[in-house]
Structure formats: C-alpha cells, structure tokens
Amino acid sequence: MCLIVFAWQVIPNMPLLAAGNRDEFYDRPASPADWWHDHPQIYAGRDLQGGGTWMGVTREGRFAAITNIRAPSEMRSDAPTRGNLVLNYLAGEMTPADYIEEISTYAADYNGFNLLVGNTSELIWYSNRGEKDERNGKPLKQGMYGLSNSQLDCAWPKVVSTKAEFASLLCQGAPEDAFFEMLSDTTSASDCRLPKTGVSLERERLLSAVCIESPDYGTRVSTLVKLQNGQPPALIERPAVAMPPMPERAPHRGQCTKGF
C-alpha cells in the first residue's frame, strides 16, 4: 500500500476500519484479493513477482499492511521483498509485539518500510527507518491515523486531506462507496505543499495525488478493511478508477471482491 488511513478503537464494536490504495508499476503482476490456496486462513491480494502481499486479513482476525519509504538514494536492488513481512505475520501465530521483536533483528536488510500488524485488541506500527522508539515498534492508542511513504501521520498533503475526509465520512456514517470515492481523488497538490523526497518536481506532483495515474505507474487497487468484535473480518477490494484497462491487468478489472 502507498496510502492508508485508519480508525483504531474509535468506532463502537469495530476496532479497526482502514482504507488504502496500492500504488505500483502496472507491469508488476498481481492477483486480486482471494483466499490463498497455500495459506487457507489468509484473504489478500498477492504480488506474483515477490510472492507476498501489501494488505491482508485472516479468518482469526489478524491484520497487516505495509507501505514503502520513499528514499530513492537508499534503494538496494538486492533487498528482500517487503511483502513477505505482511505474509509472514498473517501466516503465523505470533502476537503483534513478538513479531515486531523478531523482525527488528533483520529489518535493516530491507529497503525502507512502514509495517502495521495487529488484531482486534492490539495494533502496532513499525518502521525500519524511523527514530529509535519507532524501530522498537509503536503500539497505537485510540485514534485516527494516516500513513503513506514517510513516517506515520506525516504532513504530506494527501495524508492530511484524506484523514480529514475519512473522519468526516465516519461522522456521517457514510456507506462503503463513499470511502472508495475518497480514494479515487486524482488531484495533485500545489507545488508549495509538496514534500522533497529525492525525486524530481514532476514526479513529486504525480505522486502527491491520492489516486495516482500515469502511463506506467499508478494506483492499482483500493481496499477497505473492517475488524469487528464478534464477527469475521472483512476485506473489500476494488480496482482503481484511474488504472488503464490493459490486457496484462485483466484480473483486476471489474473485480469487487468481498471477504467473509
């Protein structure tokens, strides 16, 4: 994922509501959200190149998601795929805290990432590029959060604006379609508000939109996740409205997959 906004322990009987966009090169193969034949408890999309996933849930109510840290000067081509950090949590039985403690011993091997792991009672944010405390994992308190390709709740325009709209939709008791509409905004931020992340100004403009569109890279899918007390979790995935309908991406076209 490259943008996630979420409400943690805010909504009665719904510990987590998360909405996010996955941004990726269009030619990187992936399959839409479904049950995994090799891990039957996992419901998620799958990166067919690296084998992992960007966001998923399990029958037991485990949740995990990841975003990359945008730092082109630090990228290593030989680093392991970050999607396996999500997969390994979902496929295992460790508590969120124990899992973070384990991966912290080798997290430096990966390119920069933000990782969310949790269940209905605990949610932890971990970054291998954050401050010392963040590298130990940060159990999240009740509240609303936004995460993109920098640190948690960074002041990037799309994080700030999407968090505000997300809060408004929650207050209104808005239907699911409204959250997907929120995630489909292709408006770029003004130049004076753009972050400086080591890419060109033109690229910063492109990446500043909630829903990114370009000839070769952009938002592939939008996802809504619900963890509810006493009910199975739900993951709803839809193709991004801005994604061009090219043949190699046909598995994503026209999908609206509901979990559980």
C-alpha atoms as a PDB file:
ATOM      1  CA  MET A   1       0.000   0.000   0.000  1.00  0.00           C
ATOM      2  CA  CYS A   2       1.071   3.572  -0.521  1.00  0.00           C
ATOM      3  CA  LEU A   3      -1.696   5.336   1.357  1.00  0.00           C
ATOM      4  CA  ILE A   4      -3.638   4.051   4.348  1.00  0.00           C
ATOM      5  CA  VAL A   5      -5.956   5.957   6.640  1.00  0.00           C
ATOM      6  CA  PHE A   6      -7.462   4.111   9.565  1.00  0.00           C
ATOM      7  CA  ALA A   7      -9.517   4.464  12.705  1.00  0.00           C
ATOM      8  CA  TRP A   8      -8.274   2.379  15.617  1.00  0.00           C
ATOM      9  CA  GLN A   9     -10.580   1.706  18.604  1.00  0.00           C
ATOM     10  CA  VAL A  10     -12.735   4.683  17.573  1.00  0.00           C
ATOM     11  CA  ILE A  11     -15.913   3.023  16.268  1.00  0.00           C
ATOM     12  CA  PRO A  12     -18.019   1.003  18.744  1.00  0.00           C
ATOM     13  CA  ASN A  13     -17.644  -2.749  18.121  1.00  0.00           C
ATOM     14  CA  MET A  14     -15.318  -2.110  15.183  1.00  0.00           C
ATOM     15  CA  PRO A  15     -11.745  -1.928  16.476  1.00  0.00           C
ATOM     16  CA  LEU A  16     -10.316  -1.193  13.036  1.00  0.00           C
ATOM     17  CA  LEU A  17     -11.576   0.441   9.885  1.00  0.00           C
ATOM     18  CA  ALA A  18      -8.864   1.017   7.278  1.00  0.00           C
ATOM     19  CA  ALA A  19      -8.976   2.396   3.753  1.00  0.00           C
ATOM     20  CA  GLY A  20      -5.990   2.313   1.435  1.00  0.00           C
ATOM     21  CA  ASN A  21      -4.567   2.491  -2.070  1.00  0.00           C
ATOM     22  CA  ARG A  22      -1.880   0.274  -3.521  1.00  0.00           C
ATOM     23  CA  ASP A  23       0.433   2.110  -5.926  1.00  0.00           C
ATOM     24  CA  GLU A  24       2.705   0.043  -8.171  1.00  0.00           C
ATOM     25  CA  PHE A  25       4.097  -0.285 -11.675  1.00  0.00           C
ATOM     26  CA  TYR A  26       1.372  -1.646 -13.931  1.00  0.00           C
ATOM     27  CA  ASP A  27       3.568  -4.380 -15.365  1.00  0.00           C
ATOM     28  CA  ARG A  28       4.255  -5.969 -11.960  1.00  0.00           C
ATOM     29  CA  PRO A  29       1.918  -8.983 -11.921  1.00  0.00           C
ATOM     30  CA  ALA A  30      -0.544  -9.397  -9.068  1.00  0.00           C
ATOM     31  CA  SER A  31      -3.718 -11.310  -8.332  1.00  0.00           C
ATOM     32  CA  PRO A  32      -6.848  -9.774  -6.769  1.00  0.00           C
ATOM     33  CA  ALA A  33      -7.904 -10.427  -3.183  1.00  0.00           C
ATOM     34  CA  ASP A  34      -8.947 -14.006  -2.543  1.00  0.00           C
ATOM     35  CA  TRP A  35      -8.297 -16.947  -0.246  1.00  0.00           C
ATOM     36  CA  TRP A  36      -4.778 -18.310  -0.659  1.00  0.00           C
ATOM     37  CA  HIS A  37      -4.547 -21.995  -1.527  1.00  0.00           C
ATOM     38  CA  ASP A  38      -1.193 -22.377   0.289  1.00  0.00           C
ATOM     39  CA  HIS A  39      -2.327 -20.374   3.338  1.00  0.00           C
ATOM     40  CA  PRO A  40      -6.088 -21.020   3.564  1.00  0.00           C
ATOM     41  CA  GLN A  41      -6.559 -18.656   6.511  1.00  0.00           C
ATOM     42  CA  ILE A  42      -5.305 -15.635   4.532  1.00  0.00           C
ATOM     43  CA  TYR A  43      -7.518 -13.345   2.461  1.00  0.00           C
ATOM     44  CA  ALA A  44      -5.475 -10.831   0.474  1.00  0.00           C
ATOM     45  CA  GLY A  45      -4.239  -9.773  -2.911  1.00  0.00           C
ATOM     46  CA  ARG A  46      -0.936 -11.287  -3.987  1.00  0.00           C
ATOM     47  CA  ASP A  47       2.214  -9.900  -5.553  1.00  0.00           C
ATOM     48  CA  LEU A  48       3.004 -12.573  -8.129  1.00  0.00           C
ATOM     49  CA  GLN A  49       6.568 -11.332  -8.560  1.00  0.00           C
ATOM     50  CA  GLY A  50       7.682 -11.306  -4.922  1.00  0.00           C
ATOM     51  CA  GLY A  51       5.114 -13.733  -3.518  1.00  0.00           C
ATOM     52  CA  GLY A  52       3.958 -11.540  -0.635  1.00  0.00           C
ATOM     53  CA  THR A  53       1.140  -9.056  -0.187  1.00  0.00           C
ATOM     54  CA  TRP A  54       0.550  -5.410   0.694  1.00  0.00           C
ATOM     55  CA  MET A  55      -2.520  -5.793   2.929  1.00  0.00           C
ATOM     56  CA  GLY A  56      -4.486  -8.743   4.234  1.00  0.00           C
ATOM     57  CA  VAL A  57      -6.564 -10.315   6.979  1.00  0.00           C
ATOM     58  CA  THR A  58      -7.115 -13.819   8.316  1.00  0.00           C
ATOM     59  CA  ARG A  59     -10.138 -15.774   9.484  1.00  0.00           C
ATOM     60  CA  GLU A  60      -8.912 -15.323  13.065  1.00  0.00           C
ATOM     61  CA  GLY A  61      -8.888 -11.531  12.790  1.00  0.00           C
ATOM     62  CA  ARG A  62      -5.209 -10.839  12.170  1.00  0.00           C
ATOM     63  CA  PHE A  63      -4.427  -7.770  10.060  1.00  0.00           C
ATOM     64  CA  ALA A  64      -1.254  -6.490   8.413  1.00  0.00           C
ATOM     65  CA  ALA A  65      -0.315  -3.866   5.842  1.00  0.00           C
ATOM     66  CA  ILE A  66       2.864  -2.264   4.547  1.00  0.00           C
ATOM     67  CA  THR A  67       3.953   0.895   2.743  1.00  0.00           C
ATOM     68  CA  ASN A  68       7.355   1.659   1.271  1.00  0.00           C
ATOM     69  CA  ILE A  69       9.507   4.544   2.480  1.00  0.00           C
ATOM     70  CA  ARG A  70      10.282   6.813  -0.465  1.00  0.00           C
ATOM     71  CA  ALA A  71      14.067   7.244  -0.380  1.00  0.00           C
ATOM     72  CA  PRO A  72      15.471   6.583  -3.864  1.00  0.00           C
ATOM     73  CA  SER A  73      19.084   7.183  -2.796  1.00  0.00           C
ATOM     74  CA  GLU A  74      18.834   4.337  -0.264  1.00  0.00           C
ATOM     75  CA  MET A  75      17.223   1.735  -2.540  1.00  0.00           C
ATOM     76  CA  ARG A  76      19.064  -1.570  -2.869  1.00  0.00           C
ATOM     77  CA  SER A  77      18.219  -3.903  -5.740  1.00  0.00           C
ATOM     78  CA  ASP A  78      19.314  -6.966  -3.740  1.00  0.00           C
ATOM     79  CA  ALA A  79      16.999  -6.310  -0.762  1.00  0.00           C
ATOM     80  CA  PRO A  80      14.336  -8.948   0.027  1.00  0.00           C
ATOM     81  CA  THR A  81      10.724  -8.280  -0.916  1.00  0.00           C
ATOM     82  CA  ARG A  82       8.885  -6.322   1.756  1.00  0.00           C
ATOM     83  CA  GLY A  83       5.567  -8.027   1.056  1.00  0.00           C
ATOM     84  CA  ASN A  84       6.789 -11.113   2.893  1.00  0.00           C
ATOM     85  CA  LEU A  85       6.756  -9.134   6.134  1.00  0.00           C
ATOM     86  CA  VAL A  86       2.971  -8.943   5.808  1.00  0.00           C
ATOM     87  CA  LEU A  87       2.652 -12.541   4.667  1.00  0.00           C
ATOM     88  CA  ASN A  88       4.755 -13.983   7.486  1.00  0.00           C
ATOM     89  CA  TYR A  89       2.708 -12.235  10.163  1.00  0.00           C
ATOM     90  CA  LEU A  90      -0.605 -13.324   8.652  1.00  0.00           C
ATOM     91  CA  ALA A  91       0.611 -16.896   8.192  1.00  0.00           C
ATOM     92  CA  GLY A  92       1.997 -17.183  11.731  1.00  0.00           C
ATOM     93  CA  GLU A  93       0.676 -17.214  15.261  1.00  0.00           C
ATOM     94  CA  MET A  94       2.943 -14.682  16.986  1.00  0.00           C
ATOM     95  CA  THR A  95       1.442 -11.763  18.850  1.00  0.00           C
ATOM     96  CA  PRO A  96       1.992  -8.403  17.147  1.00  0.00           C
ATOM     97  CA  ALA A  97       4.595  -7.432  19.761  1.00  0.00           C
ATOM     98  CA  ASP A  98       6.505 -10.703  19.462  1.00  0.00           C
ATOM     99  CA  TYR A  99       6.504 -10.489  15.684  1.00  0.00           C
ATOM    100  CA  ILE A 100       7.899  -6.953  15.725  1.00  0.00           C
ATOM    101  CA  GLU A 101      10.581  -8.007  18.183  1.00  0.00           C
ATOM    102  CA  GLU A 102      11.587 -10.856  15.887  1.00  0.00           C
ATOM    103  CA  ILE A 103      11.765  -8.907  12.619  1.00  0.00           C
ATOM    104  CA  SER A 104      13.599  -5.986  14.236  1.00  0.00           C
ATOM    105  CA  THR A 105      16.714  -8.171  14.296  1.00  0.00           C
ATOM    106  CA  TYR A 106      16.885  -8.271  10.497  1.00  0.00           C
ATOM    107  CA  ALA A 107      14.701  -5.351   9.363  1.00  0.00           C
ATOM    108  CA  ALA A 108      17.759  -3.397   8.193  1.00  0.00           C
ATOM    109  CA  ASP A 109      18.141  -5.929   5.357  1.00  0.00           C
ATOM    110  CA  TYR A 110      15.024  -4.457   3.713  1.00  0.00           C
ATOM    111  CA  ASN A 111      14.525  -1.231   1.866  1.00  0.00           C
ATOM    112  CA  GLY A 112      12.613   1.318   3.928  1.00  0.00           C
ATOM    113  CA  PHE A 113       9.118   0.358   5.062  1.00  0.00           C
ATOM    114  CA  ASN A 114       6.235   1.061   7.424  1.00  0.00           C
ATOM    115  CA  LEU A 115       4.517  -2.033   8.784  1.00  0.00           C
ATOM    116  CA  LEU A 116       1.180  -2.332  10.575  1.00  0.00           C
ATOM    117  CA  VAL A 117       0.428  -5.599  12.375  1.00  0.00           C
ATOM    118  CA  GLY A 118      -2.447  -6.275  14.702  1.00  0.00           C
ATOM    119  CA  ASN A 119      -5.750  -7.884  15.619  1.00  0.00           C
ATOM    120  CA  THR A 120      -8.934  -6.707  17.346  1.00  0.00           C
ATOM    121  CA  SER A 121      -7.100  -5.846  20.588  1.00  0.00           C
ATOM    122  CA  GLU A 122      -3.650  -4.592  19.539  1.00  0.00           C
ATOM    123  CA  LEU A 123      -2.191  -2.650  16.617  1.00  0.00           C
ATOM    124  CA  ILE A 124       1.500  -1.812  16.219  1.00  0.00           C
ATOM    125  CA  TRP A 125       3.274   0.449  13.750  1.00  0.00           C
ATOM    126  CA  TYR A 126       6.901  -0.334  12.988  1.00  0.00           C
ATOM    127  CA  SER A 127       9.358   1.388  10.656  1.00  0.00           C
ATOM    128  CA  ASN A 128      12.916   0.377   9.870  1.00  0.00           C
ATOM    129  CA  ARG A 129      13.695   3.997   9.009  1.00  0.00           C
ATOM    130  CA  GLY A 130      12.144   5.750  11.976  1.00  0.00           C
ATOM    131  CA  GLU A 131      13.504   7.096  15.243  1.00  0.00           C
ATOM    132  CA  LYS A 132      14.846   4.672  17.847  1.00  0.00           C
ATOM    133  CA  ASP A 133      11.500   4.247  19.603  1.00  0.00           C
ATOM    134  CA  GLU A 134       9.748   3.610  16.297  1.00  0.00           C
ATOM    135  CA  ARG A 135      12.244   0.894  15.422  1.00  0.00           C
ATOM    136  CA  ASN A 136      11.148  -0.899  18.575  1.00  0.00           C
ATOM    137  CA  GLY A 137       7.550  -0.770  17.395  1.00  0.00           C
ATOM    138  CA  LYS A 138       4.885   1.686  18.495  1.00  0.00           C
ATOM    139  CA  PRO A 139       1.660   0.263  19.967  1.00  0.00           C
ATOM    140  CA  LEU A 140      -1.049   2.615  18.758  1.00  0.00           C
ATOM    141  CA  LYS A 141      -3.503   4.317  21.077  1.00  0.00           C
ATOM    142  CA  GLN A 142      -7.122   5.035  20.224  1.00  0.00           C
ATOM    143  CA  GLY A 143      -7.300   7.463  17.334  1.00  0.00           C
ATOM    144  CA  MET A 144      -7.227   8.140  13.636  1.00  0.00           C
ATOM    145  CA  TYR A 145      -4.038   7.793  11.637  1.00  0.00           C
ATOM    146  CA  GLY A 146      -2.627   8.283   8.166  1.00  0.00           C
ATOM    147  CA  LEU A 147       0.301   6.506   6.547  1.00  0.00           C
ATOM    148  CA  SER A 148       1.950   6.989   3.167  1.00  0.00           C
ATOM    149  CA  ASN A 149       5.588   6.719   2.063  1.00  0.00           C
ATOM    150  CA  SER A 150       7.031   8.556   5.049  1.00  0.00           C
ATOM    151  CA  GLN A 151       6.524   8.293   8.788  1.00  0.00           C
ATOM    152  CA  LEU A 152       3.160   7.781  10.462  1.00  0.00           C
ATOM    153  CA  ASP A 153       0.945  10.887  10.334  1.00  0.00           C
ATOM    154  CA  CYS A 154       3.454  12.833   8.262  1.00  0.00           C
ATOM    155  CA  ALA A 155       2.199  16.193   6.977  1.00  0.00           C
ATOM    156  CA  TRP A 156       2.087  15.209   3.317  1.00  0.00           C
ATOM    157  CA  PRO A 157      -0.921  16.850   1.604  1.00  0.00           C
ATOM    158  CA  LYS A 158      -2.652  13.600   0.652  1.00  0.00           C
ATOM    159  CA  VAL A 159      -2.280  12.193   4.169  1.00  0.00           C
ATOM    160  CA  VAL A 160      -3.686  15.329   5.790  1.00  0.00           C
ATOM    161  CA  SER A 161      -6.587  15.739   3.352  1.00  0.00           C
ATOM    162  CA  THR A 162      -7.547  12.059   3.284  1.00  0.00           C
ATOM    163  CA  LYS A 163      -7.508  11.781   7.080  1.00  0.00           C
ATOM    164  CA  ALA A 164      -9.830  14.788   7.292  1.00  0.00           C
ATOM    165  CA  GLU A 165     -12.236  13.366   4.726  1.00  0.00           C
ATOM    166  CA  PHE A 166     -12.077   9.937   6.357  1.00  0.00           C
ATOM    167  CA  ALA A 167     -13.068  11.481   9.701  1.00  0.00           C
ATOM    168  CA  SER A 168     -15.932  13.335   8.061  1.00  0.00           C
ATOM    169  CA  LEU A 169     -17.234  10.153   6.435  1.00  0.00           C
ATOM    170  CA  LEU A 170     -17.123   8.329   9.766  1.00  0.00           C
ATOM    171  CA  CYS A 171     -19.081  11.108  11.457  1.00  0.00           C
ATOM    172  CA  GLN A 172     -21.699  10.912   8.695  1.00  0.00           C
ATOM    173  CA  GLY A 173     -21.983   7.133   8.903  1.00  0.00           C
ATOM    174  CA  ALA A 174     -21.199   7.089   5.182  1.00  0.00           C
ATOM    175  CA  PRO A 175     -21.639   3.922   3.071  1.00  0.00           C
ATOM    176  CA  GLU A 176     -18.716   1.920   1.676  1.00  0.00           C
ATOM    177  CA  ASP A 177     -18.943   3.583  -1.730  1.00  0.00           C
ATOM    178  CA  ALA A 178     -18.071   6.942  -0.168  1.00  0.00           C
ATOM    179  CA  PHE A 179     -14.751   5.618   1.116  1.00  0.00           C
ATOM    180  CA  PHE A 180     -13.847   4.301  -2.315  1.00  0.00           C
ATOM    181  CA  GLU A 181     -14.799   7.663  -3.803  1.00  0.00           C
ATOM    182  CA  MET A 182     -12.444   9.296  -1.300  1.00  0.00           C
ATOM    183  CA  LEU A 183      -9.630   7.018  -2.506  1.00  0.00           C
ATOM    184  CA  SER A 184     -10.258   7.896  -6.168  1.00  0.00           C
ATOM    185  CA  ASP A 185      -9.208  11.567  -5.982  1.00  0.00           C
ATOM    186  CA  THR A 186      -6.628  12.234  -8.731  1.00  0.00           C
ATOM    187  CA  THR A 187      -5.986  15.884  -7.782  1.00  0.00           C
ATOM    188  CA  SER A 188      -2.302  16.780  -7.350  1.00  0.00           C
ATOM    189  CA  ALA A 189      -1.135  19.002  -4.507  1.00  0.00           C
ATOM    190  CA  SER A 190       0.114  22.517  -5.151  1.00  0.00           C
ATOM    191  CA  ASP A 191       3.878  22.857  -5.542  1.00  0.00           C
ATOM    192  CA  CYS A 192       4.282  24.849  -2.328  1.00  0.00           C
ATOM    193  CA  ARG A 193       2.946  21.896  -0.301  1.00  0.00           C
ATOM    194  CA  LEU A 194       4.941  19.123  -1.926  1.00  0.00           C
ATOM    195  CA  PRO A 195       7.439  17.165   0.163  1.00  0.00           C
ATOM    196  CA  LYS A 196      11.028  16.758  -1.012  1.00  0.00           C
ATOM    197  CA  THR A 197      11.801  13.067  -1.129  1.00  0.00           C
ATOM    198  CA  GLY A 198      14.647  12.899  -3.632  1.00  0.00           C
ATOM    199  CA  VAL A 199      12.595  12.631  -6.814  1.00  0.00           C
ATOM    200  CA  SER A 200      12.005  15.284  -9.471  1.00  0.00           C
ATOM    201  CA  LEU A 201       9.401  18.021  -9.026  1.00  0.00           C
ATOM    202  CA  GLU A 202       7.347  16.465 -11.821  1.00  0.00           C
ATOM    203  CA  ARG A 203       7.411  13.131 -10.002  1.00  0.00           C
ATOM    204  CA  GLU A 204       6.503  14.737  -6.671  1.00  0.00           C
ATOM    205  CA  ARG A 205       3.464  16.295  -8.352  1.00  0.00           C
ATOM    206  CA  LEU A 206       2.414  12.946  -9.783  1.00  0.00           C
ATOM    207  CA  LEU A 207       2.847  11.082  -6.502  1.00  0.00           C
ATOM    208  CA  SER A 208       1.028  13.717  -4.446  1.00  0.00           C
ATOM    209  CA  ALA A 209      -2.407  12.583  -5.629  1.00  0.00           C
ATOM    210  CA  VAL A 210      -4.458  10.204  -3.512  1.00  0.00           C
ATOM    211  CA  CYS A 211      -5.107   8.143  -6.639  1.00  0.00           C
ATOM    212  CA  ILE A 212      -2.082   8.210  -8.942  1.00  0.00           C
ATOM    213  CA  GLU A 213      -2.352   7.883 -12.698  1.00  0.00           C
ATOM    214  CA  SER A 214       0.443   7.806 -15.291  1.00  0.00           C
ATOM    215  CA  PRO A 215       1.300   5.694 -18.356  1.00  0.00           C
ATOM    216  CA  ASP A 216       3.334   3.108 -16.439  1.00  0.00           C
ATOM    217  CA  TYR A 217       2.742   3.576 -12.694  1.00  0.00           C
ATOM    218  CA  GLY A 218      -0.202   4.348 -10.503  1.00  0.00           C
ATOM    219  CA  THR A 219      -2.876   3.230  -8.078  1.00  0.00           C
ATOM    220  CA  ARG A 220      -3.797  -0.360  -8.863  1.00  0.00           C
ATOM    221  CA  VAL A 221      -6.452  -1.209  -6.262  1.00  0.00           C
ATOM    222  CA  SER A 222      -8.339   0.420  -3.401  1.00  0.00           C
ATOM    223  CA  THR A 223      -9.171  -1.577  -0.285  1.00  0.00           C
ATOM    224  CA  LEU A 224     -11.446  -1.262   2.730  1.00  0.00           C
ATOM    225  CA  VAL A 225     -10.818  -3.456   5.792  1.00  0.00           C
ATOM    226  CA  LYS A 226     -13.062  -3.936   8.813  1.00  0.00           C
ATOM    227  CA  LEU A 227     -12.204  -5.777  12.031  1.00  0.00           C
ATOM    228  CA  GLN A 228     -15.371  -6.153  14.089  1.00  0.00           C
ATOM    229  CA  ASN A 229     -15.925  -7.627  17.531  1.00  0.00           C
ATOM    230  CA  GLY A 230     -17.745 -10.940  17.404  1.00  0.00           C
ATOM    231  CA  GLN A 231     -17.771 -11.056  13.597  1.00  0.00           C
ATOM    232  CA  PRO A 232     -15.381 -12.308  10.932  1.00  0.00           C
ATOM    233  CA  PRO A 233     -13.132  -9.635   9.415  1.00  0.00           C
ATOM    234  CA  ALA A 234     -13.956  -8.178   6.019  1.00  0.00           C
ATOM    235  CA  LEU A 235     -11.718  -7.027   3.172  1.00  0.00           C
ATOM    236  CA  ILE A 236     -13.301  -5.334   0.153  1.00  0.00           C
ATOM    237  CA  GLU A 237     -11.100  -4.614  -2.850  1.00  0.00           C
ATOM    238  CA  ARG A 238     -11.895  -2.643  -5.977  1.00  0.00           C
ATOM    239  CA  PRO A 239      -9.770  -1.716  -8.998  1.00  0.00           C
ATOM    240  CA  ALA A 240      -8.630   1.894  -9.038  1.00  0.00           C
ATOM    241  CA  VAL A 241     -10.713   4.094 -11.304  1.00  0.00           C
ATOM    242  CA  ALA A 242      -7.595   5.643 -12.845  1.00  0.00           C
ATOM    243  CA  MET A 243      -5.964   2.379 -13.872  1.00  0.00           C
ATOM    244  CA  PRO A 244      -5.837   1.968 -17.673  1.00  0.00           C
ATOM    245  CA  PRO A 245      -7.629  -1.203 -18.909  1.00  0.00           C
ATOM    246  CA  MET A 246      -4.592  -3.011 -20.333  1.00  0.00           C
ATOM    247  CA  PRO A 247      -4.767  -6.769 -21.043  1.00  0.00           C
ATOM    248  CA  GLU A 248      -1.991  -7.774 -18.638  1.00  0.00           C
ATOM    249  CA  ARG A 249      -4.017  -6.319 -15.771  1.00  0.00           C
ATOM    250  CA  ALA A 250      -7.268  -8.025 -16.689  1.00  0.00           C
ATOM    251  CA  PRO A 251      -7.518  -9.978 -13.378  1.00  0.00           C
ATOM    252  CA  HIS A 252      -8.091  -6.658 -11.556  1.00  0.00           C
ATOM    253  CA  ARG A 253     -10.614  -5.218 -13.982  1.00  0.00           C
ATOM    254  CA  GLY A 254     -14.215  -5.300 -12.846  1.00  0.00           C
ATOM    255  CA  GLN A 255     -13.430  -7.007  -9.562  1.00  0.00           C
ATOM    256  CA  CYS A 256     -15.222  -6.112  -6.363  1.00  0.00           C
ATOM    257  CA  THR A 257     -14.197  -8.882  -4.025  1.00  0.00           C
ATOM    258  CA  LYS A 258     -15.793  -9.109  -0.592  1.00  0.00           C
ATOM    259  CA  GLY A 259     -14.305 -11.182   2.182  1.00  0.00           C
ATOM    260  CA  PHE A 260     -16.226 -13.390   4.532  1.00  0.00           C
END
